């Protein structure tokens, strides 16, 4: 009986962590999206926006040499997160 209670507590804790991470992603995705858009508009030299733009650009270059593979991988990841 005590094992069942302990398992329920762990499940509750894991569900609260999952909910917190989902809310955090819901906040961060629009911020990164706007930062990327502003980085494209104003260029990579913009103060905060340029750093996000450069980091995403470096990530795409790291994932795939031509960047297309990286873009496809990011689209697949985002489609998975939408589920």
C-alpha atoms as a PDB file:
ATOM      1  CA  UNK A   1       0.000   0.000   0.000  1.00  0.00           C
ATOM      2  CA  UNK A   2       2.847   2.384   0.821  1.00  0.00           C
ATOM      3  CA  UNK A   3       4.460   1.615  -2.527  1.00  0.00           C
ATOM      4  CA  UNK A   4       1.279   2.633  -4.325  1.00  0.00           C
ATOM      5  CA  UNK A   5       1.147   5.925  -2.419  1.00  0.00           C
ATOM      6  CA  UNK A   6       4.805   6.625  -3.217  1.00  0.00           C
ATOM      7  CA  UNK A   7       4.213   5.902  -6.906  1.00  0.00           C
ATOM      8  CA  UNK A   8       1.254   8.300  -6.927  1.00  0.00           C
ATOM      9  CA  UNK A   9       3.395  11.031  -5.361  1.00  0.00           C
ATOM     10  CA  UNK A  10       6.108  10.551  -7.991  1.00  0.00           C
ATOM     11  CA  UNK A  11       3.501  10.645 -10.735  1.00  0.00           C
ATOM     12  CA  UNK A  12       2.110  13.894  -9.329  1.00  0.00           C
ATOM     13  CA  UNK A  13       5.581  15.432  -9.130  1.00  0.00           C
ATOM     14  CA  UNK A  14       6.452  14.362 -12.681  1.00  0.00           C
ATOM     15  CA  UNK A  15       3.155  15.734 -13.984  1.00  0.00           C
ATOM     16  CA  UNK A  16       3.798  19.098 -12.315  1.00  0.00           C
ATOM     17  CA  UNK A  17       7.310  19.220 -13.833  1.00  0.00           C
ATOM     18  CA  UNK A  18       5.839  18.351 -17.232  1.00  0.00           C
ATOM     19  CA  UNK A  19       3.230  21.113 -16.889  1.00  0.00           C
ATOM     20  CA  UNK A  20       5.887  23.634 -15.868  1.00  0.00           C
ATOM     21  CA  UNK A  21       8.065  22.777 -18.868  1.00  0.00           C
ATOM     22  CA  UNK A  22       5.075  22.995 -21.207  1.00  0.00           C
ATOM     23  CA  UNK A  23       4.235  26.474 -19.884  1.00  0.00           C
ATOM     24  CA  UNK A  24       7.877  27.526 -20.203  1.00  0.00           C
ATOM     25  CA  UNK A  25       7.945  26.394 -23.831  1.00  0.00           C
ATOM     26  CA  UNK A  26       4.684  28.256 -24.458  1.00  0.00           C
ATOM     27  CA  UNK A  27       6.377  31.446 -23.276  1.00  0.00           C
ATOM     28  CA  UNK A  28       9.770  30.981 -24.930  1.00  0.00           C
ATOM     29  CA  UNK A  29       8.674  29.929 -28.432  1.00  0.00           C
ATOM     30  CA  UNK A  30       7.011  33.279 -29.291  1.00  0.00           C
ATOM     31  CA  UNK A  31       9.977  35.195 -27.854  1.00  0.00           C
ATOM     32  CA  UNK A  32      12.443  33.259 -30.001  1.00  0.00           C
ATOM     33  CA  UNK A  33      10.175  33.570 -33.041  1.00  0.00           C
ATOM     34  CA  UNK A  34       9.929  37.342 -32.717  1.00  0.00           C
ATOM     35  CA  UNK A  35      13.665  37.570 -32.099  1.00  0.00           C
ATOM     36  CA  UNK A  36      14.362  35.624 -35.272  1.00  0.00           C
ATOM     37  CA  UNK A  37      11.997  37.785 -37.271  1.00  0.00           C
ATOM     38  CA  UNK A  38      13.596  40.976 -35.955  1.00  0.00           C
ATOM     39  CA  UNK A  39      17.035  39.498 -36.602  1.00  0.00           C
ATOM     40  CA  UNK A  40      16.080  38.927 -40.228  1.00  0.00           C
ATOM     41  CA  UNK A  41      14.665  42.447 -40.529  1.00  0.00           C
ATOM     42  CA  UNK A  42      17.394  44.395 -38.706  1.00  0.00           C
ATOM     43  CA  UNK A  43      20.330  42.065 -39.306  1.00  0.00           C
ATOM     44  CA  UNK A  44      22.590  40.161 -36.945  1.00  0.00           C
ATOM     45  CA  UNK A  45      24.106  43.359 -35.527  1.00  0.00           C
ATOM     46  CA  UNK A  46      20.961  44.236 -33.561  1.00  0.00           C
ATOM     47  CA  UNK A  47      21.659  44.079 -29.782  1.00  0.00           C
ATOM     48  CA  UNK A  48      19.591  41.202 -28.321  1.00  0.00           C
ATOM     49  CA  UNK A  49      17.979  40.057 -31.513  1.00  0.00           C
ATOM     50  CA  UNK A  50      21.236  39.568 -33.375  1.00  0.00           C
ATOM     51  CA  UNK A  51      22.555  37.089 -30.835  1.00  0.00           C
ATOM     52  CA  UNK A  52      19.488  34.893 -31.187  1.00  0.00           C
ATOM     53  CA  UNK A  53      19.735  35.125 -34.973  1.00  0.00           C
ATOM     54  CA  UNK A  54      23.433  34.195 -34.943  1.00  0.00           C
ATOM     55  CA  UNK A  55      22.868  31.274 -32.573  1.00  0.00           C
ATOM     56  CA  UNK A  56      20.051  29.811 -34.680  1.00  0.00           C
ATOM     57  CA  UNK A  57      22.113  30.343 -37.822  1.00  0.00           C
ATOM     58  CA  UNK A  58      25.087  28.570 -36.236  1.00  0.00           C
ATOM     59  CA  UNK A  59      22.816  25.745 -35.109  1.00  0.00           C
ATOM     60  CA  UNK A  60      21.496  25.283 -38.648  1.00  0.00           C
ATOM     61  CA  UNK A  61      25.035  25.272 -40.022  1.00  0.00           C
ATOM     62  CA  UNK A  62      26.115  22.755 -37.396  1.00  0.00           C
ATOM     63  CA  UNK A  63      23.249  20.355 -38.096  1.00  0.00           C
ATOM     64  CA  UNK A  64      23.609  20.343 -41.861  1.00  0.00           C
ATOM     65  CA  UNK A  65      26.265  21.683 -44.180  1.00  0.00           C
ATOM     66  CA  UNK A  66      23.735  23.277 -46.514  1.00  0.00           C
ATOM     67  CA  UNK A  67      21.265  24.191 -43.767  1.00  0.00           C
ATOM     68  CA  UNK A  68      18.374  22.451 -45.512  1.00  0.00           C
ATOM     69  CA  UNK A  69      18.835  19.294 -43.482  1.00  0.00           C
ATOM     70  CA  UNK A  70      18.854  21.373 -40.298  1.00  0.00           C
ATOM     71  CA  UNK A  71      15.694  23.171 -41.323  1.00  0.00           C
ATOM     72  CA  UNK A  72      13.917  19.883 -41.985  1.00  0.00           C
ATOM     73  CA  UNK A  73      15.090  18.542 -38.617  1.00  0.00           C
ATOM     74  CA  UNK A  74      13.792  21.619 -36.797  1.00  0.00           C
ATOM     75  CA  UNK A  75      10.438  21.367 -38.584  1.00  0.00           C
ATOM     76  CA  UNK A  76      10.146  17.721 -37.528  1.00  0.00           C
ATOM     77  CA  UNK A  77      11.005  18.616 -33.921  1.00  0.00           C
ATOM     78  CA  UNK A  78       8.460  21.437 -33.859  1.00  0.00           C
ATOM     79  CA  UNK A  79       5.795  19.171 -35.349  1.00  0.00           C
ATOM     80  CA  UNK A  80       6.516  16.667 -32.598  1.00  0.00           C
ATOM     81  CA  UNK A  81       6.236  19.378 -29.922  1.00  0.00           C
ATOM     82  CA  UNK A  82       2.853  20.445 -31.300  1.00  0.00           C
ATOM     83  CA  UNK A  83       1.379  16.997 -30.524  1.00  0.00           C
END
